[in-house]
Protein backbone atom coordinates (compact mmCIF):
# COMPACT_ATOMS: atom_id res chain seq x y z
CA MET A 1 -54.60 -41.75 5.17
CA LYS A 2 -52.65 -41.41 8.29
CA TYR A 3 -54.81 -43.97 10.02
CA VAL A 4 -54.71 -46.41 7.10
CA LYS A 5 -50.75 -46.26 7.11
CA ALA A 6 -51.10 -46.70 10.84
CA LEU A 7 -53.11 -49.89 10.39
CA LEU A 8 -50.99 -51.24 7.75
CA GLN A 9 -47.77 -50.59 9.85
CA ILE A 10 -49.35 -52.44 12.83
CA GLY A 11 -50.62 -55.25 10.47
CA LEU A 12 -47.25 -55.78 8.86
CA GLY A 13 -45.61 -55.66 12.39
CA PHE A 14 -48.10 -58.32 13.78
CA ALA A 15 -47.55 -60.62 10.61
CA LEU A 16 -43.68 -60.37 10.95
CA PHE A 17 -43.93 -60.97 14.66
CA SER A 18 -46.10 -64.13 14.18
CA ALA A 19 -43.87 -65.33 11.51
CA GLY A 20 -40.81 -65.01 13.64
CA ILE A 21 -42.37 -67.04 16.40
CA SER A 22 -43.21 -69.67 13.73
CA HIS A 23 -39.59 -69.65 12.61
CA LEU A 24 -38.61 -70.79 16.10
CA THR A 25 -41.52 -73.16 16.72
CA THR A 26 -44.26 -74.84 14.54
CA ALA A 27 -43.01 -73.95 10.90
CA ARG A 28 -39.37 -74.50 11.58
CA ALA A 29 -38.74 -77.34 9.13
CA GLU A 30 -40.77 -75.53 6.53
CA PHE A 31 -38.56 -72.63 6.85
CA GLN A 32 -35.52 -74.75 6.57
CA ALA A 33 -36.55 -76.08 3.19
CA GLN A 34 -36.49 -72.41 2.04
CA VAL A 35 -32.80 -72.00 2.91
CA PRO A 36 -30.90 -71.94 -0.32
CA THR A 37 -28.37 -74.90 -0.41
CA TRP A 38 -25.47 -72.65 -1.59
CA LEU A 39 -25.80 -70.58 1.63
CA PRO A 40 -22.54 -71.56 3.39
CA LEU A 41 -24.47 -71.54 6.85
CA ASP A 42 -26.45 -74.27 8.74
CA ALA A 43 -30.23 -73.95 7.71
CA ASP A 44 -31.47 -74.13 11.23
CA PHE A 45 -29.05 -71.37 12.16
CA VAL A 46 -30.52 -69.24 9.29
CA VAL A 47 -34.07 -70.17 10.20
CA ILE A 48 -33.48 -69.14 13.91
CA ALA A 49 -31.74 -66.04 13.14
CA SER A 50 -34.18 -64.82 10.62
CA GLY A 51 -36.98 -65.53 13.18
CA VAL A 52 -35.44 -63.42 15.76
CA VAL A 53 -34.89 -60.48 13.01
CA GLU A 54 -38.57 -60.82 12.17
CA ILE A 55 -39.58 -60.64 15.88
CA ALA A 56 -37.51 -57.60 16.34
CA LEU A 57 -38.88 -55.93 13.10
CA GLY A 58 -42.33 -56.60 13.92
CA LEU A 59 -41.95 -55.41 17.32
CA SER A 60 -40.26 -52.46 15.98
CA LEU A 61 -43.08 -51.83 13.70
CA MET A 62 -45.74 -51.90 16.24
CA LEU A 63 -43.74 -50.08 18.86
CA LEU A 64 -41.05 -47.59 17.57
CA TRP A 65 -43.40 -45.01 15.99
CA ARG A 66 -40.51 -42.29 16.19
CA TYR A 67 -38.26 -44.17 14.10
CA ARG A 68 -40.79 -45.67 11.72
CA MET A 69 -39.21 -44.40 8.64
CA TYR A 70 -35.88 -46.41 9.49
CA VAL A 71 -37.76 -49.48 10.70
CA GLY A 72 -39.58 -49.35 7.25
CA ILE A 73 -36.29 -49.30 5.25
CA VAL A 74 -34.83 -51.95 7.14
CA THR A 75 -37.82 -54.06 6.82
CA ALA A 76 -37.89 -53.56 3.21
CA LEU A 77 -34.19 -54.56 2.99
CA PHE A 78 -34.91 -57.63 4.95
CA PHE A 79 -37.59 -58.74 2.60
CA ILE A 80 -34.99 -58.06 -0.29
CA ALA A 81 -32.49 -60.06 1.70
CA ILE A 82 -34.65 -63.10 2.12
CA PHE A 83 -35.86 -63.14 -1.40
CA PRO A 84 -33.27 -65.74 -2.72
CA GLY A 85 -34.92 -68.28 -0.28
CA ASN A 86 -38.06 -68.01 -2.28
CA ILE A 87 -36.24 -68.26 -5.62
CA SER A 88 -34.38 -71.28 -4.34
CA GLN A 89 -37.82 -73.03 -3.37
CA TRP A 90 -39.06 -72.42 -6.91
CA ILE A 91 -35.96 -73.52 -8.80
CA ASN A 92 -35.49 -76.65 -6.58
CA GLY A 93 -39.19 -77.26 -6.79
CA ILE A 94 -39.24 -77.58 -2.86
CA SER A 95 -42.85 -77.86 -1.46
CA ALA A 96 -43.29 -75.94 1.72
CA PHE A 97 -46.23 -73.71 3.19
CA GLY A 98 -48.74 -75.43 0.65
CA LEU A 99 -46.63 -74.37 -2.39
CA ASP A 100 -46.52 -77.74 -3.92
CA THR A 101 -46.41 -76.90 -7.54
CA ASP A 102 -43.88 -74.84 -9.76
CA GLN A 103 -46.90 -72.53 -10.56
CA ALA A 104 -47.69 -71.72 -6.99
CA ARG A 105 -44.02 -71.44 -6.10
CA PHE A 106 -43.54 -69.17 -9.00
CA THR A 107 -46.50 -67.05 -8.46
CA ARG A 108 -45.36 -66.40 -4.69
CA LEU A 109 -42.01 -64.62 -5.94
CA PHE A 110 -44.54 -61.69 -7.15
CA PHE A 111 -45.70 -60.99 -3.63
CA GLN A 112 -42.12 -60.28 -2.30
CA PRO A 113 -42.09 -56.82 -4.12
CA VAL A 114 -45.53 -56.32 -2.51
CA LEU A 115 -44.12 -56.65 1.03
CA VAL A 116 -41.17 -54.08 0.13
CA ALA A 117 -43.99 -51.76 -0.97
CA TRP A 118 -45.94 -52.34 2.06
CA ALA A 119 -43.20 -51.76 4.37
CA LEU A 120 -42.10 -48.43 2.65
CA PHE A 121 -45.63 -47.12 2.15
CA ALA A 122 -47.01 -47.74 5.55
CA THR A 123 -43.88 -46.23 7.32
CA GLY A 124 -43.07 -43.49 4.88
CA GLY A 125 -39.62 -44.87 4.44
CA LEU A 126 -38.97 -43.33 1.20
CA LYS A 127 -39.45 -39.61 2.69
CA ILE A 128 -35.96 -40.13 4.29
CA PHE A 129 -34.56 -39.90 0.82
CA ARG A 130 -36.54 -36.92 -0.19
CA LYS A 131 -35.67 -34.51 2.45
CA ALA A 132 -32.24 -33.10 0.85
CA LYS A 133 -32.89 -31.54 -2.55
CA PRO A 134 -30.29 -29.40 -4.01
């Protein structure tokens, strides 16, 4: 199980790193379409900032093994923080990343909890909360 978790952690790290790079390059416009209109920030700034965060999280997942539990928690919190963008895309019917139907955009919403669970499982992030028992 130790090796499975390590592979899952590295895989998630690589996926985040790659997504972060695409935020800054090839998929920038599509990521801008996901930024909620109610967010009082420039959409391009949000895409660049979230891309930088994804690159940092991806590298951290792949390299900072000593802090893996903390990185896992921060990664899970990041996935929760960006979830409103997915909801906005569904509610406003915005097509991006091949999600061109309401059903496809709605189905995508169910994958965000999977990413949260993946980050916590692969890194053992929940173990931090189990350490202190009265």
